[in-house]
Amino acid sequence: MIDADSLIAERLQSAFPDWHVASEQDPGITFPAIIFAVSGDGQVGNGPKRWPLSLAVNILDDTETVFESVEAVYAEIRSWRGKTSPHGHVVLVADTSLISRVASTVVGNRSIQQYAGSFDVLART
């Protein structure tokens, strides 16, 4: 069985080591941040050791730099095809929902914007 959370967390943390990367929000969040959720239906019709996954990402950053962060996250996720980590190998990545602006808020004295999008990821163990 695949450890999908660890696969995604490892890929994102290695690409963005100075960012807050988590699979859920927590009170100690710092910015920029990527909050992700990954789910899957098992090995449905994809043969042994192939796992279709749905990946949802939320990118939060200062208003002035958020779009640069969105571009970097999008490019990174799209580059995963063919990459292997201790948690699995990414066979395919496809957009399912364009990363779009969701909300903005004030955190302390900072104006933070949030963007969200989703991808289909086919992984192999």
C-alpha atoms as a PDB file:
ATOM      1  CA  MET A   1       0.000   0.000   0.000  1.00  0.00           C
ATOM      2  CA  ILE A   2       1.178   3.515  -0.737  1.00  0.00           C
ATOM      3  CA  ASP A   3       1.819   6.132   1.946  1.00  0.00           C
ATOM      4  CA  ALA A   4       0.322   8.948  -0.125  1.00  0.00           C
ATOM      5  CA  ASP A   5       0.621  11.656   2.551  1.00  0.00           C
ATOM      6  CA  SER A   6       4.334  10.975   2.972  1.00  0.00           C
ATOM      7  CA  LEU A   7       4.903  10.865  -0.799  1.00  0.00           C
ATOM      8  CA  ILE A   8       3.283  14.274  -1.317  1.00  0.00           C
ATOM      9  CA  ALA A   9       4.798  15.835   1.825  1.00  0.00           C
ATOM     10  CA  GLU A  10       8.293  14.676   0.836  1.00  0.00           C
ATOM     11  CA  ARG A  11       7.970  16.072  -2.698  1.00  0.00           C
ATOM     12  CA  LEU A  12       6.679  19.458  -1.450  1.00  0.00           C
ATOM     13  CA  GLN A  13       9.092  19.778   1.493  1.00  0.00           C
ATOM     14  CA  SER A  14      12.103  19.000  -0.670  1.00  0.00           C
ATOM     15  CA  ALA A  15      11.049  21.662  -3.201  1.00  0.00           C
ATOM     16  CA  PHE A  16      10.048  24.292  -0.639  1.00  0.00           C
ATOM     17  CA  PRO A  17      12.252  23.723   2.450  1.00  0.00           C
ATOM     18  CA  ASP A  18      11.618  27.206   3.892  1.00  0.00           C
ATOM     19  CA  TRP A  19       7.826  26.981   3.556  1.00  0.00           C
ATOM     20  CA  HIS A  20       5.234  25.656   5.960  1.00  0.00           C
ATOM     21  CA  VAL A  21       4.067  22.377   4.355  1.00  0.00           C
ATOM     22  CA  ALA A  22       1.327  20.418   6.097  1.00  0.00           C
ATOM     23  CA  SER A  23      -1.566  18.099   5.439  1.00  0.00           C
ATOM     24  CA  GLU A  24      -3.758  20.158   7.736  1.00  0.00           C
ATOM     25  CA  GLN A  25      -3.804  23.652   9.131  1.00  0.00           C
ATOM     26  CA  ASP A  26      -2.365  24.258  12.564  1.00  0.00           C
ATOM     27  CA  PRO A  27      -2.136  27.277  14.857  1.00  0.00           C
ATOM     28  CA  GLY A  28       1.612  27.640  14.241  1.00  0.00           C
ATOM     29  CA  ILE A  29       1.282  28.239  10.497  1.00  0.00           C
ATOM     30  CA  THR A  30       3.889  30.487   8.897  1.00  0.00           C
ATOM     31  CA  PHE A  31       3.875  31.969   5.415  1.00  0.00           C
ATOM     32  CA  PRO A  32       4.335  31.075   2.663  1.00  0.00           C
ATOM     33  CA  ALA A  33       2.415  27.852   3.261  1.00  0.00           C
ATOM     34  CA  ILE A  34       1.132  24.865   1.321  1.00  0.00           C
ATOM     35  CA  ILE A  35      -1.707  22.924   2.897  1.00  0.00           C
ATOM     36  CA  PHE A  36      -2.492  19.723   1.019  1.00  0.00           C
ATOM     37  CA  ALA A  37      -4.973  16.865   1.110  1.00  0.00           C
ATOM     38  CA  VAL A  38      -4.512  13.627  -0.779  1.00  0.00           C
ATOM     39  CA  SER A  39      -7.016  10.823  -1.281  1.00  0.00           C
ATOM     40  CA  GLY A  40      -7.432   7.806  -3.504  1.00  0.00           C
ATOM     41  CA  ASP A  41      -9.686   4.894  -4.408  1.00  0.00           C
ATOM     42  CA  GLY A  42      -7.110   2.101  -4.186  1.00  0.00           C
ATOM     43  CA  GLN A  43      -5.710   0.225  -7.159  1.00  0.00           C
ATOM     44  CA  VAL A  44      -8.917   0.442  -9.206  1.00  0.00           C
ATOM     45  CA  GLY A  45      -8.181  -0.819 -12.726  1.00  0.00           C
ATOM     46  CA  ASN A  46      -4.597   0.380 -12.733  1.00  0.00           C
ATOM     47  CA  GLY A  47      -2.795  -2.876 -12.091  1.00  0.00           C
ATOM     48  CA  PRO A  48      -0.708  -3.891  -9.115  1.00  0.00           C
ATOM     49  CA  LYS A  49       1.242  -1.205  -7.298  1.00  0.00           C
ATOM     50  CA  ARG A  50      -0.374   1.685  -9.227  1.00  0.00           C
ATOM     51  CA  TRP A  51      -2.307   4.160  -7.154  1.00  0.00           C
ATOM     52  CA  PRO A  52      -4.545   6.909  -8.599  1.00  0.00           C
ATOM     53  CA  LEU A  53      -4.534   9.850  -6.185  1.00  0.00           C
ATOM     54  CA  SER A  54      -6.421  13.135  -5.961  1.00  0.00           C
ATOM     55  CA  LEU A  55      -4.297  15.991  -4.645  1.00  0.00           C
ATOM     56  CA  ALA A  56      -5.797  19.275  -3.423  1.00  0.00           C
ATOM     57  CA  VAL A  57      -3.442  22.136  -2.596  1.00  0.00           C
ATOM     58  CA  ASN A  58      -3.970  25.468  -0.891  1.00  0.00           C
ATOM     59  CA  ILE A  59      -1.237  28.074  -1.206  1.00  0.00           C
ATOM     60  CA  LEU A  60      -1.177  30.944   1.264  1.00  0.00           C
ATOM     61  CA  ASP A  61       1.209  33.874   1.055  1.00  0.00           C
ATOM     62  CA  ASP A  62       1.522  37.638   1.311  1.00  0.00           C
ATOM     63  CA  THR A  63      -0.569  39.539  -1.218  1.00  0.00           C
ATOM     64  CA  GLU A  64       2.559  40.926  -2.909  1.00  0.00           C
ATOM     65  CA  THR A  65       4.185  37.533  -3.587  1.00  0.00           C
ATOM     66  CA  VAL A  66       1.332  35.024  -3.684  1.00  0.00           C
ATOM     67  CA  PHE A  67       1.119  34.678  -7.470  1.00  0.00           C
ATOM     68  CA  GLU A  68       4.854  33.941  -7.701  1.00  0.00           C
ATOM     69  CA  SER A  69       4.284  31.255  -5.063  1.00  0.00           C
ATOM     70  CA  VAL A  70       1.347  29.829  -7.031  1.00  0.00           C
ATOM     71  CA  GLU A  71       3.460  29.659 -10.186  1.00  0.00           C
ATOM     72  CA  ALA A  72       6.279  27.908  -8.302  1.00  0.00           C
ATOM     73  CA  VAL A  73       3.960  25.312  -6.736  1.00  0.00           C
ATOM     74  CA  TYR A  74       2.217  24.614 -10.049  1.00  0.00           C
ATOM     75  CA  ALA A  75       5.528  24.168 -11.876  1.00  0.00           C
ATOM     76  CA  GLU A  76       6.868  21.919  -9.117  1.00  0.00           C
ATOM     77  CA  ILE A  77       3.842  19.608  -9.034  1.00  0.00           C
ATOM     78  CA  ARG A  78       3.795  19.363 -12.839  1.00  0.00           C
ATOM     79  CA  SER A  79       7.501  18.389 -12.762  1.00  0.00           C
ATOM     80  CA  TRP A  80       6.918  15.299 -10.597  1.00  0.00           C
ATOM     81  CA  ARG A  81       6.296  12.966 -13.533  1.00  0.00           C
ATOM     82  CA  GLY A  82       9.025  10.322 -13.558  1.00  0.00           C
ATOM     83  CA  LYS A  83      10.428  11.264 -10.142  1.00  0.00           C
ATOM     84  CA  THR A  84      11.024   8.687  -7.417  1.00  0.00           C
ATOM     85  CA  SER A  85      11.268   9.119  -3.658  1.00  0.00           C
ATOM     86  CA  PRO A  86      11.441   6.629  -0.791  1.00  0.00           C
ATOM     87  CA  HIS A  87       7.623   6.723  -0.714  1.00  0.00           C
ATOM     88  CA  GLY A  88       6.911   5.954  -4.375  1.00  0.00           C
ATOM     89  CA  HIS A  89       7.324   6.885  -8.003  1.00  0.00           C
ATOM     90  CA  VAL A  90       5.137   9.471  -9.766  1.00  0.00           C
ATOM     91  CA  VAL A  91       3.970   8.118 -13.120  1.00  0.00           C
ATOM     92  CA  LEU A  92       1.622  10.906 -14.206  1.00  0.00           C
ATOM     93  CA  VAL A  93       0.349  14.326 -13.076  1.00  0.00           C
ATOM     94  CA  ALA A  94      -2.696  16.079 -14.574  1.00  0.00           C
ATOM     95  CA  ASP A  95      -4.541  19.272 -13.630  1.00  0.00           C
ATOM     96  CA  THR A  96      -8.114  18.780 -12.462  1.00  0.00           C
ATOM     97  CA  SER A  97      -8.811  22.302 -11.227  1.00  0.00           C
ATOM     98  CA  LEU A  98      -6.862  25.426 -12.117  1.00  0.00           C
ATOM     99  CA  ILE A  99      -5.197  27.024  -9.106  1.00  0.00           C
ATOM    100  CA  SER A 100      -7.452  30.005  -8.419  1.00  0.00           C
ATOM    101  CA  ARG A 101      -7.852  32.693  -5.783  1.00  0.00           C
ATOM    102  CA  VAL A 102     -10.105  31.647  -2.935  1.00  0.00           C
ATOM    103  CA  ALA A 103      -9.937  34.208  -0.147  1.00  0.00           C
ATOM    104  CA  SER A 104      -7.846  36.835   1.510  1.00  0.00           C
ATOM    105  CA  THR A 105      -7.473  37.605   5.162  1.00  0.00           C
ATOM    106  CA  VAL A 106      -5.381  39.645   7.559  1.00  0.00           C
ATOM    107  CA  VAL A 107      -3.057  37.664   9.834  1.00  0.00           C
ATOM    108  CA  GLY A 108      -1.413  39.908  12.380  1.00  0.00           C
ATOM    109  CA  ASN A 109      -0.393  42.899  10.290  1.00  0.00           C
ATOM    110  CA  ARG A 110      -0.051  40.882   7.047  1.00  0.00           C
ATOM    111  CA  SER A 111      -2.514  40.614   4.208  1.00  0.00           C
ATOM    112  CA  ILE A 112      -2.600  36.943   3.199  1.00  0.00           C
ATOM    113  CA  GLN A 113      -4.180  35.530   0.042  1.00  0.00           C
ATOM    114  CA  GLN A 114      -5.179  31.937  -0.523  1.00  0.00           C
ATOM    115  CA  TYR A 115      -5.229  30.034  -3.809  1.00  0.00           C
ATOM    116  CA  ALA A 116      -6.531  26.485  -4.271  1.00  0.00           C
ATOM    117  CA  GLY A 117      -6.305  23.881  -7.013  1.00  0.00           C
ATOM    118  CA  SER A 118      -6.235  20.145  -7.579  1.00  0.00           C
ATOM    119  CA  PHE A 119      -4.394  17.485  -9.537  1.00  0.00           C
ATOM    120  CA  ASP A 120      -4.678  13.818 -10.407  1.00  0.00           C
ATOM    121  CA  VAL A 121      -1.495  11.933  -9.587  1.00  0.00           C
ATOM    122  CA  LEU A 122      -0.794   8.353 -10.623  1.00  0.00           C
ATOM    123  CA  ALA A 123       1.861   6.859  -8.342  1.00  0.00           C
ATOM    124  CA  ARG A 124       3.581   3.484  -8.207  1.00  0.00           C
ATOM    125  CA  THR A 125       5.055   1.666  -5.214  1.00  0.00           C
END
